Amino acid sequence: MHLWLQAIHLLVSSKKGISSHQLHRVLGITYKSAWFLTHRIRECMRDGALAGFGGNGGIVEVDETFIDKEPGVKKSKNARGGSHKMKMLTLLDRDSKRAKSIVVDDLTKATLIPILQENIAGEAYVMTDEARQYQNIGASNVCGNTRSD
């Protein structure tokens, strides 16, 4: 316990952090133990930014947009819609006010569902527009619950 507290003190009191090598020299422990300590302490100090959107049953808004033009794709004379533009998916957590934007290849269900599963907590409520790719995502337990407000 004393080593853990000393390691925590050294990590948080130094202006630019401390390396595992320096920690192993100061505390007189093996490098492997120092590496283990620093990784566990840093994991505990993490702010939760990697946690899924909508944790604890929060609301996550999901929408897509088209931006600029797709590199290497020429716009045809009578091109309509966003076929020549970059497609972007954005997730917004209403509680934490965090947002994440991801450039996607296309806006099909096969592309979007894995991204939603990876980024949205299972207990979250997902709010989207009525686009076809989002229909029945809550009914099949793909990524939490759906809600229409």
Protein backbone atom coordinates (compact mmCIF):
# COMPACT_ATOMS: atom_id res chain seq x y z
CA MET A 1 0.00 0.00 0.00
CA HIS A 2 2.86 2.37 0.78
CA LEU A 3 4.34 1.84 -2.68
CA TRP A 4 1.00 2.57 -4.35
CA LEU A 5 0.57 5.81 -2.40
CA GLN A 6 4.14 6.89 -3.10
CA ALA A 7 3.68 6.13 -6.80
CA ILE A 8 0.41 8.08 -6.92
CA HIS A 9 2.07 11.04 -5.19
CA LEU A 10 5.00 11.01 -7.63
CA LEU A 11 2.71 10.78 -10.67
CA VAL A 12 0.38 13.61 -9.67
CA SER A 13 2.94 15.95 -8.12
CA SER A 14 5.35 16.16 -11.04
CA LYS A 15 4.51 18.79 -13.61
CA LYS A 16 5.00 16.61 -16.70
CA GLY A 17 4.35 13.19 -15.19
CA ILE A 18 6.91 10.52 -14.47
CA SER A 19 8.16 7.60 -16.53
CA SER A 20 8.02 4.00 -15.40
CA HIS A 21 11.83 3.86 -15.51
CA GLN A 22 12.14 6.82 -13.17
CA LEU A 23 9.50 5.36 -10.86
CA HIS A 24 11.35 2.04 -10.68
CA ARG A 25 14.59 3.83 -9.76
CA VAL A 26 12.98 6.07 -7.12
CA LEU A 27 10.89 3.37 -5.43
CA GLY A 28 13.49 0.61 -5.76
CA ILE A 29 11.14 -1.85 -7.47
CA THR A 30 11.47 -3.74 -10.74
CA TYR A 31 10.68 -1.98 -14.01
CA LYS A 32 7.86 -4.47 -14.64
CA SER A 33 6.21 -3.52 -11.32
CA ALA A 34 6.68 0.18 -11.98
CA TRP A 35 5.12 -0.18 -15.43
CA PHE A 36 2.15 -2.02 -13.91
CA LEU A 37 1.71 0.69 -11.24
CA THR A 38 1.86 3.60 -13.69
CA HIS A 39 -0.64 2.01 -16.07
CA ARG A 40 -3.12 1.19 -13.31
CA ILE A 41 -2.84 4.64 -11.75
CA ARG A 42 -3.27 6.41 -15.09
CA GLU A 43 -6.30 4.23 -15.85
CA CYS A 44 -7.87 5.28 -12.54
CA MET A 45 -7.16 8.94 -13.29
CA ARG A 46 -8.81 8.78 -16.70
CA ASP A 47 -11.78 11.15 -17.07
CA GLY A 48 -14.04 8.58 -18.72
CA ALA A 49 -13.76 10.10 -22.18
CA LEU A 50 -13.55 6.63 -23.66
CA ALA A 51 -16.74 5.48 -21.99
CA GLY A 52 -19.74 4.89 -24.22
CA PHE A 53 -22.10 7.70 -25.06
CA GLY A 54 -25.35 7.77 -23.08
CA GLY A 55 -24.18 5.89 -20.01
CA ASN A 56 -26.73 5.55 -17.18
CA GLY A 57 -29.64 5.73 -19.60
CA GLY A 58 -28.78 9.11 -21.11
CA ILE A 59 -29.93 10.37 -24.49
CA VAL A 60 -27.63 10.18 -27.51
CA GLU A 61 -28.48 12.04 -30.70
CA VAL A 62 -27.26 10.48 -33.95
CA ASP A 63 -27.31 12.20 -37.33
CA GLU A 64 -25.38 12.28 -40.56
CA THR A 65 -24.38 15.04 -42.93
CA PHE A 66 -22.53 15.63 -46.18
CA ILE A 67 -19.46 17.86 -46.24
CA ASP A 68 -17.24 19.23 -49.04
CA LYS A 69 -16.47 16.79 -51.86
CA GLU A 70 -15.15 13.25 -51.77
CA PRO A 71 -11.46 13.16 -52.81
CA GLY A 72 -11.03 11.59 -56.23
CA VAL A 73 -14.74 11.67 -57.07
CA LYS A 74 -15.80 14.03 -59.82
CA LYS A 75 -19.20 15.64 -59.67
CA SER A 76 -21.22 14.72 -62.73
CA LYS A 77 -23.20 17.37 -64.52
CA ASN A 78 -26.56 16.31 -63.13
CA ALA A 79 -25.37 14.86 -59.78
CA ARG A 80 -27.95 15.11 -57.05
CA GLY A 81 -27.80 14.54 -53.34
CA GLY A 82 -24.59 13.71 -51.57
CA SER A 83 -23.12 11.01 -53.80
CA HIS A 84 -20.06 13.16 -54.54
CA LYS A 85 -19.61 14.46 -50.97
CA MET A 86 -17.93 13.08 -47.85
CA LYS A 87 -20.35 11.42 -45.46
CA MET A 88 -20.03 12.16 -41.74
CA LEU A 89 -21.80 10.58 -38.78
CA THR A 90 -22.07 12.58 -35.54
CA LEU A 91 -22.99 11.36 -32.07
CA LEU A 92 -23.98 13.81 -29.32
CA ASP A 93 -24.43 12.90 -25.66
CA ARG A 94 -27.01 15.30 -24.23
CA ASP A 95 -25.90 14.86 -20.61
CA SER A 96 -22.14 15.23 -20.94
CA LYS A 97 -22.34 17.52 -24.02
CA ARG A 98 -19.67 15.39 -25.71
CA ALA A 99 -19.76 15.00 -29.47
CA LYS A 100 -17.93 12.68 -31.80
CA SER A 101 -17.85 12.93 -35.58
CA ILE A 102 -16.75 10.04 -37.78
CA VAL A 103 -16.18 10.06 -41.54
CA VAL A 104 -17.85 6.98 -43.06
CA ASP A 105 -17.67 5.39 -46.50
CA ASP A 106 -21.42 5.14 -46.92
CA LEU A 107 -24.60 5.57 -44.93
CA THR A 108 -25.91 2.02 -45.03
CA LYS A 109 -27.09 0.07 -41.99
CA ALA A 110 -24.19 -2.35 -42.42
CA THR A 111 -21.70 0.50 -41.99
CA LEU A 112 -23.46 2.51 -39.28
CA ILE A 113 -24.65 -0.21 -36.87
CA PRO A 114 -21.13 -1.41 -35.87
CA ILE A 115 -20.09 2.20 -35.24
CA LEU A 116 -23.16 2.80 -33.09
CA GLN A 117 -22.61 -0.43 -31.15
CA GLU A 118 -19.01 0.49 -30.45
CA ASN A 119 -19.71 4.04 -29.25
CA ILE A 120 -23.12 3.96 -27.55
CA ALA A 121 -23.80 2.37 -24.16
CA GLY A 122 -26.41 -0.39 -24.11
CA GLU A 123 -28.70 1.47 -21.69
CA ALA A 124 -28.70 4.71 -23.73
CA TYR A 125 -31.71 6.14 -25.53
CA VAL A 126 -30.89 6.82 -29.18
CA MET A 127 -32.62 9.72 -30.90
CA THR A 128 -32.39 10.04 -34.67
CA ASP A 129 -34.33 11.34 -37.59
CA GLU A 130 -36.55 9.04 -39.63
CA ALA A 131 -33.83 7.98 -42.05
CA ARG A 132 -34.17 4.43 -43.36
CA GLN A 133 -30.83 3.25 -41.95
CA TYR A 134 -31.98 3.96 -38.38
CA GLN A 135 -35.34 2.19 -38.56
CA ASN A 136 -35.74 -0.68 -36.07
CA ILE A 137 -32.31 -0.24 -34.45
CA GLY A 138 -33.85 -0.30 -30.97
CA ALA A 139 -36.22 -3.17 -31.70
CA SER A 140 -33.34 -5.48 -32.61
CA ASN A 141 -31.32 -4.41 -29.51
CA VAL A 142 -28.60 -3.12 -31.78
CA CYS A 143 -27.66 -0.15 -29.64
CA GLY A 144 -29.96 0.49 -26.76
CA ASN A 145 -33.41 2.01 -26.82
CA THR A 146 -34.95 4.39 -29.31
CA ARG A 147 -37.08 7.32 -28.40
CA SER A 148 -39.02 9.85 -30.40
CA ASP A 149 -39.46 13.25 -28.75
